[in-house]
């Protein structure tokens, strides 16, 4: 289970506020990539925080409002156009930077999930591989980012039915590919991703 070890290390060096940052949606064929930044109150950490991938959808949905009620939380995205323009890695880093900048409080240190740091952050930062399974702040951010993006894809599924986005969140499932075969590519598909690129190439 994640703990407060990395946050404590930052606090011991003089940081008063430490934010955890994570993203969701690097792999899907459709929709934006979404990031969240969370500053937890160490005296009021919701029980049961974990890597969002290790939690059920119901558990994530239960924890989401609890995190929002007791922490400083910011959510931001990079659009499909930005993903196609600068690539998915850079778009994910951009969404992380936007989420961190959107916090009500300015942290002195950020814990970033992964092995890359976004450029031009508002504070010092440390990247942590598998950070969502190690740091409580990153775990909280992973839950917020995942739930926020899943809800967005449910909304988009109402506008563009037939792709199963309310269930697959834009990932390349059988239902999604069947929708692409029957209905074609939408404005919310990532043209730079190979399966979508190939479909467009064949159409042209």
Protein backbone atom coordinates (compact mmCIF):
# COMPACT_ATOMS: atom_id res chain seq x y z
CA UNK A 1 0.00 0.00 0.00
CA UNK A 2 1.21 3.56 -0.62
CA UNK A 3 2.40 5.57 2.36
CA UNK A 4 3.62 9.07 3.26
CA UNK A 5 7.36 8.29 2.99
CA UNK A 6 8.17 10.47 -0.03
CA UNK A 7 6.03 13.32 1.26
CA UNK A 8 7.85 13.16 4.61
CA UNK A 9 11.23 13.34 2.89
CA UNK A 10 10.17 16.54 1.12
CA UNK A 11 8.72 18.03 4.29
CA UNK A 12 11.96 17.26 6.14
CA UNK A 13 13.87 19.38 3.61
CA UNK A 14 11.68 22.41 4.26
CA UNK A 15 8.70 22.00 1.96
CA UNK A 16 5.47 23.01 3.65
CA UNK A 17 3.11 21.73 0.94
CA UNK A 18 3.71 18.62 -1.16
CA UNK A 19 1.57 17.71 -4.17
CA UNK A 20 1.15 14.35 -5.83
CA UNK A 21 0.57 14.33 -9.60
CA UNK A 22 -0.62 11.57 -11.94
CA UNK A 23 -2.33 11.23 -15.29
CA UNK A 24 -4.90 8.94 -16.90
CA UNK A 25 -5.58 8.16 -20.52
CA UNK A 26 -2.25 7.72 -22.29
CA UNK A 27 -3.29 4.52 -24.00
CA UNK A 28 -6.81 5.11 -25.37
CA UNK A 29 -7.55 5.75 -29.04
CA UNK A 30 -9.95 8.58 -28.21
CA UNK A 31 -10.37 11.42 -25.77
CA UNK A 32 -7.97 13.76 -23.98
CA UNK A 33 -5.27 12.80 -21.52
CA UNK A 34 -6.21 13.98 -18.04
CA UNK A 35 -4.01 14.76 -15.03
CA UNK A 36 -4.70 15.55 -11.40
CA UNK A 37 -2.64 17.21 -8.68
CA UNK A 38 -3.50 16.66 -5.02
CA UNK A 39 -2.18 18.19 -1.81
CA UNK A 40 -3.32 15.96 1.05
CA UNK A 41 -3.89 17.06 4.62
CA UNK A 42 -1.73 14.58 6.54
CA UNK A 43 -4.16 14.84 9.48
CA UNK A 44 -7.11 13.92 7.28
CA UNK A 45 -5.98 11.34 4.70
CA UNK A 46 -8.86 9.25 3.37
CA UNK A 47 -8.44 5.56 4.25
CA UNK A 48 -8.04 3.09 1.43
CA UNK A 49 -6.04 5.23 -1.01
CA UNK A 50 -4.21 3.09 -3.56
CA UNK A 51 -3.10 3.00 -7.17
CA UNK A 52 -6.33 3.57 -9.12
CA UNK A 53 -5.57 0.51 -11.28
CA UNK A 54 -5.76 -1.70 -8.19
CA UNK A 55 -9.16 -0.35 -7.16
CA UNK A 56 -12.55 -1.27 -8.55
CA UNK A 57 -14.54 1.35 -10.41
CA UNK A 58 -17.02 1.47 -7.53
CA UNK A 59 -14.24 2.00 -4.99
CA UNK A 60 -12.70 4.80 -7.09
CA UNK A 61 -16.07 6.51 -7.36
CA UNK A 62 -16.52 6.23 -3.59
CA UNK A 63 -13.10 7.75 -2.85
CA UNK A 64 -13.37 10.55 -5.42
CA UNK A 65 -15.71 12.90 -3.49
CA UNK A 66 -13.92 12.12 -0.23
CA UNK A 67 -10.59 13.25 -1.72
CA UNK A 68 -12.19 16.41 -3.13
CA UNK A 69 -13.72 17.24 0.26
CA UNK A 70 -10.50 17.07 2.29
CA UNK A 71 -7.66 17.97 -0.10
CA UNK A 72 -6.55 20.71 -2.48
CA UNK A 73 -7.28 19.17 -5.89
CA UNK A 74 -6.75 20.36 -9.45
CA UNK A 75 -7.67 18.55 -12.68
CA UNK A 76 -6.45 19.47 -16.16
CA UNK A 77 -6.25 17.91 -19.60
CA UNK A 78 -4.42 18.03 -22.90
CA UNK A 79 -6.73 17.81 -25.89
CA UNK A 80 -6.76 15.33 -28.74
CA UNK A 81 -5.40 18.09 -31.01
CA UNK A 82 -2.49 18.64 -28.62
CA UNK A 83 -1.85 14.89 -28.42
CA UNK A 84 -1.67 14.69 -32.21
CA UNK A 85 0.49 17.80 -32.39
CA UNK A 86 3.14 17.12 -29.72
CA UNK A 87 2.71 13.33 -29.08
CA UNK A 88 1.06 11.57 -26.17
CA UNK A 89 4.05 11.69 -23.79
CA UNK A 90 4.48 15.44 -24.13
CA UNK A 91 0.71 15.93 -23.87
CA UNK A 92 0.60 13.91 -20.64
CA UNK A 93 3.43 16.03 -19.20
CA UNK A 94 1.60 19.18 -20.31
CA UNK A 95 -1.59 18.05 -18.55
CA UNK A 96 0.43 17.35 -15.39
CA UNK A 97 1.98 20.82 -15.48
CA UNK A 98 -1.45 22.40 -15.95
CA UNK A 99 -2.91 20.39 -13.05
CA UNK A 100 -0.09 21.41 -10.73
CA UNK A 101 -0.45 25.06 -11.72
CA UNK A 102 -4.19 24.92 -11.04
CA UNK A 103 -3.93 24.14 -7.33
CA UNK A 104 -5.33 26.76 -4.97
CA UNK A 105 -2.15 26.59 -2.90
CA UNK A 106 1.34 26.73 -4.37
CA UNK A 107 3.28 23.62 -3.31
CA UNK A 108 6.99 23.73 -2.60
CA UNK A 109 7.50 20.19 -3.90
CA UNK A 110 5.73 17.85 -6.32
CA UNK A 111 5.85 14.08 -6.56
CA UNK A 112 5.29 13.07 -10.19
CA UNK A 113 4.30 9.56 -11.23
CA UNK A 114 6.62 8.05 -13.84
CA UNK A 115 10.21 8.58 -14.93
CA UNK A 116 9.91 12.03 -16.54
CA UNK A 117 9.34 15.48 -15.12
CA UNK A 118 7.31 18.12 -16.95
CA UNK A 119 9.25 21.25 -17.82
CA UNK A 120 8.74 24.66 -16.22
CA UNK A 121 7.01 23.46 -13.07
CA UNK A 122 6.00 25.91 -10.36
CA UNK A 123 8.09 24.09 -7.75
CA UNK A 124 10.80 21.52 -7.19
CA UNK A 125 9.77 18.02 -8.16
CA UNK A 126 10.74 14.37 -8.04
CA UNK A 127 9.64 11.64 -10.44
CA UNK A 128 8.74 8.27 -8.92
CA UNK A 129 8.31 5.14 -11.05
CA UNK A 130 5.11 3.38 -9.99
CA UNK A 131 4.53 6.32 -7.69
CA UNK A 132 0.79 5.68 -7.57
CA UNK A 133 1.53 2.46 -5.67
CA UNK A 134 4.09 4.10 -3.36
CA UNK A 135 2.92 7.62 -2.49
CA UNK A 136 -0.42 8.48 -0.91
CA UNK A 137 -0.52 11.85 -2.67
CA UNK A 138 0.12 10.31 -6.09
CA UNK A 139 -2.39 7.54 -5.37
CA UNK A 140 -5.01 10.18 -4.61
CA UNK A 141 -4.12 12.00 -7.84
CA UNK A 142 -4.38 8.75 -9.82
CA UNK A 143 -7.92 8.19 -8.51
CA UNK A 144 -9.04 11.74 -9.27
CA UNK A 145 -7.52 11.68 -12.77
CA UNK A 146 -9.03 8.30 -13.61
CA UNK A 147 -12.53 9.11 -12.36
CA UNK A 148 -12.50 12.55 -14.00
CA UNK A 149 -11.50 11.13 -17.36
CA UNK A 150 -13.91 8.18 -17.16
CA UNK A 151 -16.77 10.58 -16.50
CA UNK A 152 -15.75 12.72 -19.46
CA UNK A 153 -15.75 9.67 -21.71
CA UNK A 154 -19.24 8.73 -20.47
CA UNK A 155 -20.41 12.19 -21.51
CA UNK A 156 -18.76 11.84 -24.91
CA UNK A 157 -20.39 8.44 -25.33
CA UNK A 158 -23.79 10.13 -25.19
CA UNK A 159 -22.74 12.42 -28.04
CA UNK A 160 -21.08 9.68 -30.06
CA UNK A 161 -22.84 6.39 -29.29
CA UNK A 162 -21.68 3.13 -30.79
CA UNK A 163 -18.05 3.06 -29.64
CA UNK A 164 -18.60 1.91 -26.07
CA UNK A 165 -16.70 4.80 -24.53
CA UNK A 166 -18.89 4.65 -21.43
CA UNK A 167 -17.42 1.20 -20.76
CA UNK A 168 -13.98 1.21 -22.42
CA UNK A 169 -12.99 4.87 -21.79
CA UNK A 170 -11.72 5.08 -25.37
CA UNK A 171 -9.36 2.09 -25.22
CA UNK A 172 -9.11 -0.18 -28.23
CA UNK A 173 -11.60 -2.84 -27.23
CA UNK A 174 -13.51 -5.10 -29.61
CA UNK A 175 -16.60 -2.91 -29.23
CA UNK A 176 -14.58 0.22 -30.00
CA UNK A 177 -13.09 -1.27 -33.17
CA UNK A 178 -16.52 -2.49 -34.24
CA UNK A 179 -17.80 1.07 -33.82
CA UNK A 180 -14.93 2.39 -35.90
CA UNK A 181 -15.71 -0.14 -38.62
CA UNK A 182 -19.40 0.79 -38.72
CA UNK A 183 -19.32 4.50 -37.94
CA UNK A 184 -15.84 5.73 -38.81
CA UNK A 185 -13.51 8.13 -37.02
CA UNK A 186 -14.86 10.95 -34.82
CA UNK A 187 -13.29 14.33 -33.97
CA UNK A 188 -12.37 12.84 -30.58
CA UNK A 189 -10.15 10.10 -32.01
CA UNK A 190 -6.37 10.50 -31.89
CA UNK A 191 -5.26 10.61 -35.51
CA UNK A 192 -1.61 10.12 -34.57
CA UNK A 193 -2.33 6.71 -33.00
CA UNK A 194 -1.56 3.91 -35.44
CA UNK A 195 -4.99 2.18 -35.57
CA UNK A 196 -6.76 5.49 -36.27
CA UNK A 197 -4.03 6.64 -38.66
CA UNK A 198 -4.37 3.37 -40.60
CA UNK A 199 -8.15 3.73 -40.88
CA UNK A 200 -7.81 7.29 -42.20
CA UNK A 201 -5.07 6.21 -44.61
CA UNK A 202 -7.28 3.44 -45.99
CA UNK A 203 -10.20 5.83 -46.38
CA UNK A 204 -8.02 8.20 -48.40
